[in-house]
């Protein structure tokens, strides 16, 4: 079995080498842009994928962080890059929210990009410091209602997926708590660990702290319980039936990237996520591989833009 896997890997790599030569792509390093600061789940995924693509293509894939402005700085950079396949964009739910949050975007979240493939899915996680003294969602809600306007909660910034999950929770539970935005998952986790905020919405990058007992997970936002936290209830179970706010990540390129390059990268990603190295890394990081076709990703982007426009409108959030 092990030998068969090795032989299959060699065959796949040889096939990609031949296809790459026929395309003459990539013949130099490729940049993978992420719109978040170092230390979060997106960077962990990006570096894992970059390592596998570098191996498949025999060309270096470099991860670059371009954080800020609710992911719009990184997105605008990619949208305005040459459509030649050498600038790729690892994005998430927050990418589809920007059009509803910012009135003067320099790009369209769908039309300014070429979809390549979805990469993974994962839940957002409601986190507290054990010192807060709450052990369940019911405990947290009771505490918040006993102190209206006194508790504060952190997210990775307005427009990011955790922010949307927080808005949906606040609307569903009608609690009165104050929002504190942070610039990425790393600073958010530091804030919850340091009791700077009472609770926070994070991603699977919080797993090491949860396992160590320095953070407590009270709920996950996916419709079904997460394989990475099977004992943690969903918001569907504890807050509102039908609550579904799963995160996802995908790879985009600038609009008008040639179809042959798009298909080549799509096939490369499908191969990469099946590699033992990437399966092991994603398991450890809390992500479920979920590759797709470019067409499926385009449909996802369109539907998510509509979905979160409705969420923000219901929450009374106006474009800035």
C-alpha atoms as a PDB file:
ATOM      1  CA  UNK A   1       0.000   0.000   0.000  1.00  0.00           C
ATOM      2  CA  UNK A   2       2.769   2.401   0.957  1.00  0.00           C
ATOM      3  CA  UNK A   3       4.685   1.549  -2.224  1.00  0.00           C
ATOM      4  CA  UNK A   4       1.533   2.083  -4.304  1.00  0.00           C
ATOM      5  CA  UNK A   5       1.083   5.548  -2.810  1.00  0.00           C
ATOM      6  CA  UNK A   6       4.691   6.420  -3.607  1.00  0.00           C
ATOM      7  CA  UNK A   7       4.306   5.189  -7.200  1.00  0.00           C
ATOM      8  CA  UNK A   8       1.048   7.139  -7.581  1.00  0.00           C
ATOM      9  CA  UNK A   9       2.689  10.294  -6.230  1.00  0.00           C
ATOM     10  CA  UNK A  10       5.549   9.944  -8.711  1.00  0.00           C
ATOM     11  CA  UNK A  11       3.094   9.446 -11.592  1.00  0.00           C
ATOM     12  CA  UNK A  12       1.071  12.526 -10.570  1.00  0.00           C
ATOM     13  CA  UNK A  13       4.159  14.683 -10.181  1.00  0.00           C
ATOM     14  CA  UNK A  14       5.464  13.575 -13.589  1.00  0.00           C
ATOM     15  CA  UNK A  15       2.071  14.371 -15.121  1.00  0.00           C
ATOM     16  CA  UNK A  16       2.091  17.856 -13.616  1.00  0.00           C
ATOM     17  CA  UNK A  17       5.655  18.406 -14.807  1.00  0.00           C
ATOM     18  CA  UNK A  18       4.605  17.568 -18.395  1.00  0.00           C
ATOM     19  CA  UNK A  19       1.519  19.791 -18.193  1.00  0.00           C
ATOM     20  CA  UNK A  20       3.578  22.600 -16.718  1.00  0.00           C
ATOM     21  CA  UNK A  21       6.100  22.397 -19.541  1.00  0.00           C
ATOM     22  CA  UNK A  22       3.298  22.480 -22.128  1.00  0.00           C
ATOM     23  CA  UNK A  23       1.901  25.631 -20.490  1.00  0.00           C
ATOM     24  CA  UNK A  24       5.268  27.110 -19.583  1.00  0.00           C
ATOM     25  CA  UNK A  25       3.683  27.773 -16.179  1.00  0.00           C
ATOM     26  CA  UNK A  26       4.900  28.375 -13.602  1.00  0.00           C
ATOM     27  CA  UNK A  27       8.370  29.345 -14.791  1.00  0.00           C
ATOM     28  CA  UNK A  28       9.075  31.587 -11.777  1.00  0.00           C
ATOM     29  CA  UNK A  29       7.907  31.897  -8.177  1.00  0.00           C
ATOM     30  CA  UNK A  30       4.216  32.331  -7.418  1.00  0.00           C
ATOM     31  CA  UNK A  31       2.893  34.606  -4.664  1.00  0.00           C
ATOM     32  CA  UNK A  32       0.006  33.486  -2.446  1.00  0.00           C
ATOM     33  CA  UNK A  33      -1.539  36.556  -0.803  1.00  0.00           C
ATOM     34  CA  UNK A  34      -3.460  36.325   2.470  1.00  0.00           C
ATOM     35  CA  UNK A  35      -5.354  39.356   3.829  1.00  0.00           C
ATOM     36  CA  UNK A  36      -4.590  38.665   7.497  1.00  0.00           C
ATOM     37  CA  UNK A  37      -1.593  39.238   9.778  1.00  0.00           C
ATOM     38  CA  UNK A  38       0.701  36.327  10.705  1.00  0.00           C
ATOM     39  CA  UNK A  39      -0.415  33.778  13.252  1.00  0.00           C
ATOM     40  CA  UNK A  40      -3.964  32.848  12.251  1.00  0.00           C
ATOM     41  CA  UNK A  41      -5.644  29.899  10.607  1.00  0.00           C
ATOM     42  CA  UNK A  42      -5.470  31.405   7.122  1.00  0.00           C
ATOM     43  CA  UNK A  43      -1.706  31.643   7.276  1.00  0.00           C
ATOM     44  CA  UNK A  44      -1.426  28.057   8.512  1.00  0.00           C
ATOM     45  CA  UNK A  45      -3.469  26.888   5.525  1.00  0.00           C
ATOM     46  CA  UNK A  46      -1.564  29.104   3.127  1.00  0.00           C
ATOM     47  CA  UNK A  47       1.841  27.822   4.206  1.00  0.00           C
ATOM     48  CA  UNK A  48       0.689  24.197   4.102  1.00  0.00           C
ATOM     49  CA  UNK A  49      -0.706  24.639   0.594  1.00  0.00           C
ATOM     50  CA  UNK A  50       2.312  26.631  -0.567  1.00  0.00           C
ATOM     51  CA  UNK A  51       4.671  23.845   0.505  1.00  0.00           C
ATOM     52  CA  UNK A  52       2.705  21.241  -1.457  1.00  0.00           C
ATOM     53  CA  UNK A  53       2.334  23.365  -4.597  1.00  0.00           C
ATOM     54  CA  UNK A  54       6.048  24.175  -4.493  1.00  0.00           C
ATOM     55  CA  UNK A  55       6.741  20.440  -4.527  1.00  0.00           C
ATOM     56  CA  UNK A  56       4.247  19.684  -7.301  1.00  0.00           C
ATOM     57  CA  UNK A  57       5.373  22.548  -9.534  1.00  0.00           C
ATOM     58  CA  UNK A  58       9.062  22.494  -8.690  1.00  0.00           C
ATOM     59  CA  UNK A  59       8.728  26.268  -8.276  1.00  0.00           C
ATOM     60  CA  UNK A  60       8.623  28.239  -5.064  1.00  0.00           C
ATOM     61  CA  UNK A  61       5.250  29.476  -3.813  1.00  0.00           C
ATOM     62  CA  UNK A  62       5.744  32.405  -1.432  1.00  0.00           C
ATOM     63  CA  UNK A  63       3.144  33.400   1.159  1.00  0.00           C
ATOM     64  CA  UNK A  64       2.696  37.163   1.637  1.00  0.00           C
ATOM     65  CA  UNK A  65       0.594  38.792   4.364  1.00  0.00           C
ATOM     66  CA  UNK A  66      -1.292  41.918   3.287  1.00  0.00           C
ATOM     67  CA  UNK A  67      -3.648  42.602   6.211  1.00  0.00           C
ATOM     68  CA  UNK A  68      -5.947  45.497   6.981  1.00  0.00           C
ATOM     69  CA  UNK A  69      -9.269  47.202   6.241  1.00  0.00           C
ATOM     70  CA  UNK A  70     -11.382  44.081   6.698  1.00  0.00           C
ATOM     71  CA  UNK A  71      -9.345  42.055   4.148  1.00  0.00           C
ATOM     72  CA  UNK A  72      -9.909  44.663   1.413  1.00  0.00           C
ATOM     73  CA  UNK A  73      -6.247  45.687   1.163  1.00  0.00           C
ATOM     74  CA  UNK A  74      -5.154  42.182   0.203  1.00  0.00           C
ATOM     75  CA  UNK A  75      -8.141  41.681  -2.075  1.00  0.00           C
ATOM     76  CA  UNK A  76      -7.575  44.970  -3.919  1.00  0.00           C
ATOM     77  CA  UNK A  77      -3.914  44.121  -4.386  1.00  0.00           C
ATOM     78  CA  UNK A  78      -4.782  40.810  -6.047  1.00  0.00           C
ATOM     79  CA  UNK A  79      -7.633  42.297  -8.110  1.00  0.00           C
ATOM     80  CA  UNK A  80      -5.185  44.810  -9.581  1.00  0.00           C
ATOM     81  CA  UNK A  81      -2.419  42.285 -10.245  1.00  0.00           C
ATOM     82  CA  UNK A  82      -1.599  40.842 -13.652  1.00  0.00           C
ATOM     83  CA  UNK A  83      -3.919  37.943 -14.593  1.00  0.00           C
ATOM     84  CA  UNK A  84      -1.060  35.572 -15.319  1.00  0.00           C
ATOM     85  CA  UNK A  85      -1.375  33.036 -12.488  1.00  0.00           C
ATOM     86  CA  UNK A  86       1.584  34.372 -10.510  1.00  0.00           C
ATOM     87  CA  UNK A  87      -0.523  36.165  -7.900  1.00  0.00           C
ATOM     88  CA  UNK A  88      -3.072  34.032  -6.056  1.00  0.00           C
ATOM     89  CA  UNK A  89      -5.382  34.931  -3.197  1.00  0.00           C
ATOM     90  CA  UNK A  90      -6.365  32.774  -0.226  1.00  0.00           C
ATOM     91  CA  UNK A  91      -9.640  34.251   0.996  1.00  0.00           C
ATOM     92  CA  UNK A  92     -12.512  33.304   3.277  1.00  0.00           C
ATOM     93  CA  UNK A  93     -16.069  34.282   4.203  1.00  0.00           C
ATOM     94  CA  UNK A  94     -14.979  37.870   4.876  1.00  0.00           C
ATOM     95  CA  UNK A  95     -14.233  38.313   1.159  1.00  0.00           C
ATOM     96  CA  UNK A  96     -17.935  37.994   0.333  1.00  0.00           C
ATOM     97  CA  UNK A  97     -18.944  40.472   3.042  1.00  0.00           C
ATOM     98  CA  UNK A  98     -16.896  43.450   1.878  1.00  0.00           C
ATOM     99  CA  UNK A  99     -19.400  44.656  -0.712  1.00  0.00           C
ATOM    100  CA  UNK A 100     -22.017  45.073   2.023  1.00  0.00           C
ATOM    101  CA  UNK A 101     -19.640  46.800   4.436  1.00  0.00           C
ATOM    102  CA  UNK A 102     -17.732  49.254   2.280  1.00  0.00           C
ATOM    103  CA  UNK A 103     -19.384  51.654  -0.135  1.00  0.00           C
ATOM    104  CA  UNK A 104     -16.263  52.554  -2.127  1.00  0.00           C
ATOM    105  CA  UNK A 105     -14.556  49.250  -2.852  1.00  0.00           C
ATOM    106  CA  UNK A 106     -11.995  49.336  -5.638  1.00  0.00           C
ATOM    107  CA  UNK A 107     -13.059  45.868  -6.780  1.00  0.00           C
ATOM    108  CA  UNK A 108     -16.064  43.560  -7.038  1.00  0.00           C
ATOM    109  CA  UNK A 109     -15.773  40.406  -4.868  1.00  0.00           C
ATOM    110  CA  UNK A 110     -16.972  38.217  -7.734  1.00  0.00           C
ATOM    111  CA  UNK A 111     -16.360  40.017 -11.027  1.00  0.00           C
ATOM    112  CA  UNK A 112     -12.824  41.208 -10.197  1.00  0.00           C
ATOM    113  CA  UNK A 113     -11.561  37.668  -9.611  1.00  0.00           C
ATOM    114  CA  UNK A 114     -11.227  34.326 -11.338  1.00  0.00           C
ATOM    115  CA  UNK A 115     -12.363  31.468  -9.078  1.00  0.00           C
ATOM    116  CA  UNK A 116      -9.986  28.518  -8.924  1.00  0.00           C
ATOM    117  CA  UNK A 117     -10.971  26.175  -6.091  1.00  0.00           C
ATOM    118  CA  UNK A 118     -12.417  26.065  -2.624  1.00  0.00           C
ATOM    119  CA  UNK A 119      -9.780  24.798  -0.215  1.00  0.00           C
ATOM    120  CA  UNK A 120     -11.355  23.929   3.141  1.00  0.00           C
ATOM    121  CA  UNK A 121     -14.230  24.334   5.553  1.00  0.00           C
ATOM    122  CA  UNK A 122     -14.162  24.860   9.326  1.00  0.00           C
ATOM    123  CA  UNK A 123     -16.289  26.283  12.132  1.00  0.00           C
ATOM    124  CA  UNK A 124     -15.912  29.504  14.047  1.00  0.00           C
ATOM    125  CA  UNK A 125     -15.569  28.930  17.777  1.00  0.00           C
ATOM    126  CA  UNK A 126     -16.966  30.899  20.710  1.00  0.00           C
ATOM    127  CA  UNK A 127     -14.135  31.188  23.236  1.00  0.00           C
ATOM    128  CA  UNK A 128     -13.864  32.260  26.867  1.00  0.00           C
ATOM    129  CA  UNK A 129     -11.099  32.377  29.422  1.00  0.00           C
ATOM    130  CA  UNK A 130     -11.777  29.737  32.113  1.00  0.00           C
ATOM    131  CA  UNK A 131     -11.376  32.481  34.713  1.00  0.00           C
ATOM    132  CA  UNK A 132     -14.666  34.004  33.512  1.00  0.00           C
ATOM    133  CA  UNK A 133     -16.386  31.198  35.385  1.00  0.00           C
ATOM    134  CA  UNK A 134     -18.837  30.090  32.693  1.00  0.00           C
ATOM    135  CA  UNK A 135     -19.096  26.493  31.483  1.00  0.00           C
ATOM    136  CA  UNK A 136     -21.806  26.641  28.841  1.00  0.00           C
ATOM    137  CA  UNK A 137     -23.586  28.901  26.411  1.00  0.00           C
ATOM    138  CA  UNK A 138     -26.454  29.185  28.889  1.00  0.00           C
ATOM    139  CA  UNK A 139     -24.007  30.383  31.558  1.00  0.00           C
ATOM    140  CA  UNK A 140     -22.570  33.033  29.260  1.00  0.00           C
ATOM    141  CA  UNK A 141     -25.976  34.316  28.185  1.00  0.00           C
ATOM    142  CA  UNK A 142     -27.144  34.487  31.795  1.00  0.00           C
ATOM    143  CA  UNK A 143     -24.025  36.475  32.724  1.00  0.00           C
ATOM    144  CA  UNK A 144     -24.486  38.860  29.795  1.00  0.00           C
ATOM    145  CA  UNK A 145     -28.137  39.457  30.670  1.00  0.00           C
ATOM    146  CA  UNK A 146     -27.280  40.122  34.302  1.00  0.00           C
ATOM    147  CA  UNK A 147     -24.826  42.812  33.191  1.00  0.00           C
ATOM    148  CA  UNK A 148     -26.347  44.543  30.142  1.00  0.00           C
ATOM    149  CA  UNK A 149     -23.778  46.575  28.246  1.00  0.00           C
ATOM    150  CA  UNK A 150     -20.957  45.491  30.565  1.00  0.00           C
ATOM    151  CA  UNK A 151     -19.465  42.473  28.782  1.00  0.00           C
ATOM    152  CA  UNK A 152     -17.335  42.895  25.689  1.00  0.00           C
ATOM    153  CA  UNK A 153     -16.493  40.433  22.951  1.00  0.00           C
ATOM    154  CA  UNK A 154     -13.676  40.281  20.459  1.00  0.00           C
ATOM    155  CA  UNK A 155     -13.563  39.331  16.784  1.00  0.00           C
ATOM    156  CA  UNK A 156     -10.934  39.486  14.079  1.00  0.00           C
ATOM    157  CA  UNK A 157     -12.346  42.785  12.824  1.00  0.00           C
ATOM    158  CA  UNK A 158     -15.452  44.204  11.200  1.00  0.00           C
ATOM    159  CA  UNK A 159     -16.327  42.239   8.103  1.00  0.00           C
ATOM    160  CA  UNK A 160     -14.374  39.098   9.003  1.00  0.00           C
ATOM    161  CA  UNK A 161     -16.172  35.796   9.438  1.00  0.00           C
ATOM    162  CA  UNK A 162     -15.990  35.801  13.260  1.00  0.00           C
ATOM    163  CA  UNK A 163     -17.579  39.263  13.246  1.00  0.00           C
ATOM    164  CA  UNK A 164     -20.517  37.942  11.215  1.00  0.00           C
ATOM    165  CA  UNK A 165     -20.906  34.988  13.568  1.00  0.00           C
ATOM    166  CA  UNK A 166     -20.930  37.409  16.505  1.00  0.00           C
ATOM    167  CA  UNK A 167     -23.570  39.618  14.878  1.00  0.00           C
ATOM    168  CA  UNK A 168     -25.759  36.609  14.181  1.00  0.00           C
ATOM    169  CA  UNK A 169     -25.393  35.432  17.793  1.00  0.00           C
ATOM    170  CA  UNK A 170     -26.162  38.853  19.260  1.00  0.00           C
ATOM    171  CA  UNK A 171     -29.240  39.170  17.045  1.00  0.00           C
ATOM    172  CA  UNK A 172     -30.445  35.671  17.945  1.00  0.00           C
ATOM    173  CA  UNK A 173     -29.925  36.025  21.701  1.00  0.00           C
ATOM    174  CA  UNK A 174     -30.676  39.753  21.997  1.00  0.00           C
ATOM    175  CA  UNK A 175     -27.845  40.271  24.493  1.00  0.00           C
ATOM    176  CA  UNK A 176     -26.308  43.701  25.034  1.00  0.00           C
ATOM    177  CA  UNK A 177     -22.518  43.432  24.742  1.00  0.00           C
ATOM    178  CA  UNK A 178     -19.808  45.642  23.262  1.00  0.00           C
ATOM    179  CA  UNK A 179     -17.733  44.704  20.220  1.00  0.00           C
ATOM    180  CA  UNK A 180     -13.942  45.032  20.282  1.00  0.00           C
ATOM    181  CA  UNK A 181     -12.238  44.402  16.892  1.00  0.00           C
ATOM    182  CA  UNK A 182      -8.727  42.972  16.591  1.00  0.00           C
ATOM    183  CA  UNK A 183      -6.442  42.731  13.602  1.00  0.00           C
ATOM    184  CA  UNK A 184      -6.436  38.973  13.094  1.00  0.00           C
ATOM    185  CA  UNK A 185      -6.677  35.682  14.975  1.00  0.00           C
ATOM    186  CA  UNK A 186      -3.383  36.024  16.825  1.00  0.00           C
ATOM    187  CA  UNK A 187      -4.244  39.331  18.544  1.00  0.00           C
ATOM    188  CA  UNK A 188      -7.769  38.078  19.278  1.00  0.00           C
ATOM    189  CA  UNK A 189      -6.529  34.949  21.042  1.00  0.00           C
ATOM    190  CA  UNK A 190      -4.054  37.028  23.037  1.00  0.00           C
ATOM    191  CA  UNK A 191      -6.922  39.287  24.132  1.00  0.00           C
ATOM    192  CA  UNK A 192      -9.097  36.400  25.335  1.00  0.00           C
ATOM    193  CA  UNK A 193      -6.140  34.725  27.056  1.00  0.00           C
ATOM    194  CA  UNK A 194      -5.321  38.017  28.777  1.00  0.00           C
ATOM    195  CA  UNK A 195      -8.913  38.789  29.818  1.00  0.00           C
ATOM    196  CA  UNK A 196      -8.895  41.928  27.674  1.00  0.00           C
ATOM    197  CA  UNK A 197     -12.311  40.778  26.382  1.00  0.00           C
ATOM    198  CA  UNK A 198     -14.868  38.563  28.110  1.00  0.00           C
ATOM    199  CA  UNK A 199     -15.456  36.275  25.157  1.00  0.00           C
ATOM    200  CA  UNK A 200     -14.329  36.025  21.573  1.00  0.00           C
ATOM    201  CA  UNK A 201     -15.022  34.421  18.232  1.00  0.00           C
ATOM    202  CA  UNK A 202     -12.031  32.583  16.827  1.00  0.00           C
ATOM    203  CA  UNK A 203     -11.098  29.914  14.321  1.00  0.00           C
ATOM    204  CA  UNK A 204      -9.273  26.560  14.566  1.00  0.00           C
ATOM    205  CA  UNK A 205      -6.002  28.352  15.347  1.00  0.00           C
ATOM    206  CA  UNK A 206      -7.383  28.358  18.918  1.00  0.00           C
ATOM    207  CA  UNK A 207      -7.180  24.550  19.144  1.00  0.00           C
ATOM    208  CA  UNK A 208      -3.791  24.390  20.936  1.00  0.00           C
ATOM    209  CA  UNK A 209      -5.067  26.759  23.640  1.00  0.00           C
ATOM    210  CA  UNK A 210      -8.322  24.797  23.953  1.00  0.00           C
ATOM    211  CA  UNK A 211      -6.444  21.512  24.321  1.00  0.00           C
ATOM    212  CA  UNK A 212      -4.093  23.089  26.859  1.00  0.00           C
ATOM    213  CA  UNK A 213      -7.054  24.286  28.909  1.00  0.00           C
ATOM    214  CA  UNK A 214      -6.119  27.961  28.726  1.00  0.00           C
ATOM    215  CA  UNK A 215      -9.218  28.682  26.625  1.00  0.00           C
ATOM    216  CA  UNK A 216     -12.659  27.096  26.776  1.00  0.00           C
ATOM    217  CA  UNK A 217     -14.846  26.487  23.715  1.00  0.00           C
ATOM    218  CA  UNK A 218     -18.557  27.065  24.402  1.00  0.00           C
ATOM    219  CA  UNK A 219     -19.940  26.587  20.908  1.00  0.00           C
ATOM    220  CA  UNK A 220     -19.224  26.148  17.204  1.00  0.00           C
ATOM    221  CA  UNK A 221     -21.052  27.950  14.422  1.00  0.00           C
ATOM    222  CA  UNK A 222     -21.330  25.099  11.900  1.00  0.00           C
ATOM    223  CA  UNK A 223     -24.721  23.417  11.531  1.00  0.00           C
ATOM    224  CA  UNK A 224     -23.210  20.087  12.609  1.00  0.00           C
ATOM    225  CA  UNK A 225     -20.752  19.392  15.410  1.00  0.00           C
ATOM    226  CA  UNK A 226     -17.155  19.704  14.327  1.00  0.00           C
ATOM    227  CA  UNK A 227     -14.912  16.654  14.129  1.00  0.00           C
ATOM    228  CA  UNK A 228     -12.175  18.701  15.779  1.00  0.00           C
ATOM    229  CA  UNK A 229     -14.370  19.537  18.795  1.00  0.00           C
ATOM    230  CA  UNK A 230     -16.987  16.773  18.924  1.00  0.00           C
ATOM    231  CA  UNK A 231     -17.998  17.519  22.529  1.00  0.00           C
ATOM    232  CA  UNK A 232     -18.697  21.209  21.858  1.00  0.00           C
ATOM    233  CA  UNK A 233     -22.351  21.951  20.988  1.00  0.00           C
ATOM    234  CA  UNK A 234     -23.401  23.915  17.927  1.00  0.00           C
ATOM    235  CA  UNK A 235     -25.236  27.225  18.003  1.00  0.00           C
ATOM    236  CA  UNK A 236     -28.051  25.326  16.284  1.00  0.00           C
ATOM    237  CA  UNK A 237     -28.360  23.262  19.483  1.00  0.00           C
ATOM    238  CA  UNK A 238     -27.983  26.044  22.031  1.00  0.00           C
ATOM    239  CA  UNK A 239     -29.144  29.328  20.481  1.00  0.00           C
ATOM    240  CA  UNK A 240     -31.311  29.042  17.400  1.00  0.00           C
ATOM    241  CA  UNK A 241     -32.407  26.209  15.121  1.00  0.00           C
ATOM    242  CA  UNK A 242     -30.895  26.571  11.681  1.00  0.00           C
ATOM    243  CA  UNK A 243     -27.952  28.705  12.854  1.00  0.00           C
ATOM    244  CA  UNK A 244     -25.263  27.997  10.258  1.00  0.00           C
ATOM    245  CA  UNK A 245     -22.129  30.077   9.888  1.00  0.00           C
ATOM    246  CA  UNK A 246     -19.432  27.714   8.648  1.00  0.00           C
ATOM    247  CA  UNK A 247     -16.184  29.228   7.496  1.00  0.00           C
ATOM    248  CA  UNK A 248     -14.527  28.303   4.228  1.00  0.00           C
ATOM    249  CA  UNK A 249     -11.395  29.262   2.382  1.00  0.00           C
ATOM    250  CA  UNK A 250     -10.734  29.361  -1.333  1.00  0.00           C
ATOM    251  CA  UNK A 251      -8.153  30.314  -3.912  1.00  0.00           C
ATOM    252  CA  UNK A 252      -8.846  33.135  -6.369  1.00  0.00           C
ATOM    253  CA  UNK A 253      -6.806  34.813  -9.082  1.00  0.00           C
ATOM    254  CA  UNK A 254      -7.280  38.179 -10.810  1.00  0.00           C
ATOM    255  CA  UNK A 255     -10.110  38.377 -13.339  1.00  0.00           C
ATOM    256  CA  UNK A 256      -9.292  37.159 -16.849  1.00  0.00           C
ATOM    257  CA  UNK A 257      -6.655  34.652 -15.770  1.00  0.00           C
ATOM    258  CA  UNK A 258      -6.374  32.200 -18.717  1.00  0.00           C
ATOM    259  CA  UNK A 259      -8.594  29.097 -18.384  1.00  0.00           C
ATOM    260  CA  UNK A 260      -5.722  26.705 -19.027  1.00  0.00           C
ATOM    261  CA  UNK A 261      -3.788  28.147 -16.071  1.00  0.00           C
ATOM    262  CA  UNK A 262      -6.918  28.118 -13.895  1.00  0.00           C
ATOM    263  CA  UNK A 263      -7.533  24.441 -14.686  1.00  0.00           C
ATOM    264  CA  UNK A 264      -3.896  23.563 -14.053  1.00  0.00           C
ATOM    265  CA  UNK A 265      -3.917  25.247 -10.625  1.00  0.00           C
ATOM    266  CA  UNK A 266      -7.299  23.684  -9.806  1.00  0.00           C
ATOM    267  CA  UNK A 267      -5.964  20.196 -10.541  1.00  0.00           C
ATOM    268  CA  UNK A 268      -2.821  20.941  -8.574  1.00  0.00           C
ATOM    269  CA  UNK A 269      -4.862  21.964  -5.515  1.00  0.00           C
ATOM    270  CA  UNK A 270      -7.023  18.824  -5.799  1.00  0.00           C
ATOM    271  CA  UNK A 271      -3.830  16.757  -5.745  1.00  0.00           C
ATOM    272  CA  UNK A 272      -2.242  18.760  -2.929  1.00  0.00           C
ATOM    273  CA  UNK A 273      -5.178  18.360  -0.509  1.00  0.00           C
ATOM    274  CA  UNK A 274      -5.046  14.572  -0.965  1.00  0.00           C
ATOM    275  CA  UNK A 275      -1.380  14.364  -0.029  1.00  0.00           C
ATOM    276  CA  UNK A 276      -0.602  12.668   3.309  1.00  0.00           C
ATOM    277  CA  UNK A 277       1.306  15.767   4.419  1.00  0.00           C
ATOM    278  CA  UNK A 278      -1.613  18.114   3.815  1.00  0.00           C
ATOM    279  CA  UNK A 279      -4.204  15.748   5.299  1.00  0.00           C
ATOM    280  CA  UNK A 280      -2.097  15.473   8.455  1.00  0.00           C
ATOM    281  CA  UNK A 281      -1.536  19.235   8.641  1.00  0.00           C
ATOM    282  CA  UNK A 282      -5.202  20.071   8.085  1.00  0.00           C
ATOM    283  CA  UNK A 283      -6.252  17.548  10.744  1.00  0.00           C
ATOM    284  CA  UNK A 284      -3.875  19.185  13.213  1.00  0.00           C
ATOM    285  CA  UNK A 285      -5.051  22.681  12.249  1.00  0.00           C
ATOM    286  CA  UNK A 286      -8.757  21.818  12.380  1.00  0.00           C
ATOM    287  CA  UNK A 287      -9.617  22.243   8.693  1.00  0.00           C
ATOM    288  CA  UNK A 288     -11.535  19.849   6.474  1.00  0.00           C
ATOM    289  CA  UNK A 289     -10.242  19.669   2.878  1.00  0.00           C
ATOM    290  CA  UNK A 290     -13.020  20.691   0.459  1.00  0.00           C
ATOM    291  CA  UNK A 291     -11.708  21.264  -3.084  1.00  0.00           C
ATOM    292  CA  UNK A 292     -14.170  22.295  -5.781  1.00  0.00           C
ATOM    293  CA  UNK A 293     -14.405  23.187  -9.435  1.00  0.00           C
ATOM    294  CA  UNK A 294     -14.038  26.851 -10.462  1.00  0.00           C
ATOM    295  CA  UNK A 295     -17.752  26.900 -11.365  1.00  0.00           C
ATOM    296  CA  UNK A 296     -18.793  25.598  -7.935  1.00  0.00           C
ATOM    297  CA  UNK A 297     -16.656  28.239  -6.266  1.00  0.00           C
ATOM    298  CA  UNK A 298     -18.207  31.003  -8.368  1.00  0.00           C
ATOM    299  CA  UNK A 299     -21.684  29.877  -7.284  1.00  0.00           C
ATOM    300  CA  UNK A 300     -20.544  29.834  -3.639  1.00  0.00           C
ATOM    301  CA  UNK A 301     -19.197  33.387  -3.872  1.00  0.00           C
ATOM    302  CA  UNK A 302     -22.414  34.701  -5.384  1.00  0.00           C
ATOM    303  CA  UNK A 303     -24.632  32.978  -2.808  1.00  0.00           C
ATOM    304  CA  UNK A 304     -22.468  34.075   0.141  1.00  0.00           C
ATOM    305  CA  UNK A 305     -22.508  37.722  -0.984  1.00  0.00           C
ATOM    306  CA  UNK A 306     -26.320  37.604  -0.934  1.00  0.00           C
ATOM    307  CA  UNK A 307     -26.481  35.709   2.373  1.00  0.00           C
ATOM    308  CA  UNK A 308     -24.280  38.058   4.358  1.00  0.00           C
ATOM    309  CA  UNK A 309     -25.794  41.168   2.850  1.00  0.00           C
ATOM    310  CA  UNK A 310     -29.049  40.005   4.436  1.00  0.00           C
ATOM    311  CA  UNK A 311     -27.277  39.236   7.749  1.00  0.00           C
ATOM    312  CA  UNK A 312     -25.718  42.694   7.975  1.00  0.00           C
ATOM    313  CA  UNK A 313     -28.905  44.409   6.895  1.00  0.00           C
ATOM    314  CA  UNK A 314     -30.829  42.590   9.650  1.00  0.00           C
ATOM    315  CA  UNK A 315     -28.140  43.599  12.149  1.00  0.00           C
ATOM    316  CA  UNK A 316     -28.483  47.236  11.092  1.00  0.00           C
ATOM    317  CA  UNK A 317     -24.888  47.472   9.880  1.00  0.00           C
ATOM    318  CA  UNK A 318     -24.532  50.235   7.275  1.00  0.00           C
ATOM    319  CA  UNK A 319     -21.833  50.425   4.578  1.00  0.00           C
ATOM    320  CA  UNK A 320     -18.919  52.641   5.589  1.00  0.00           C
END
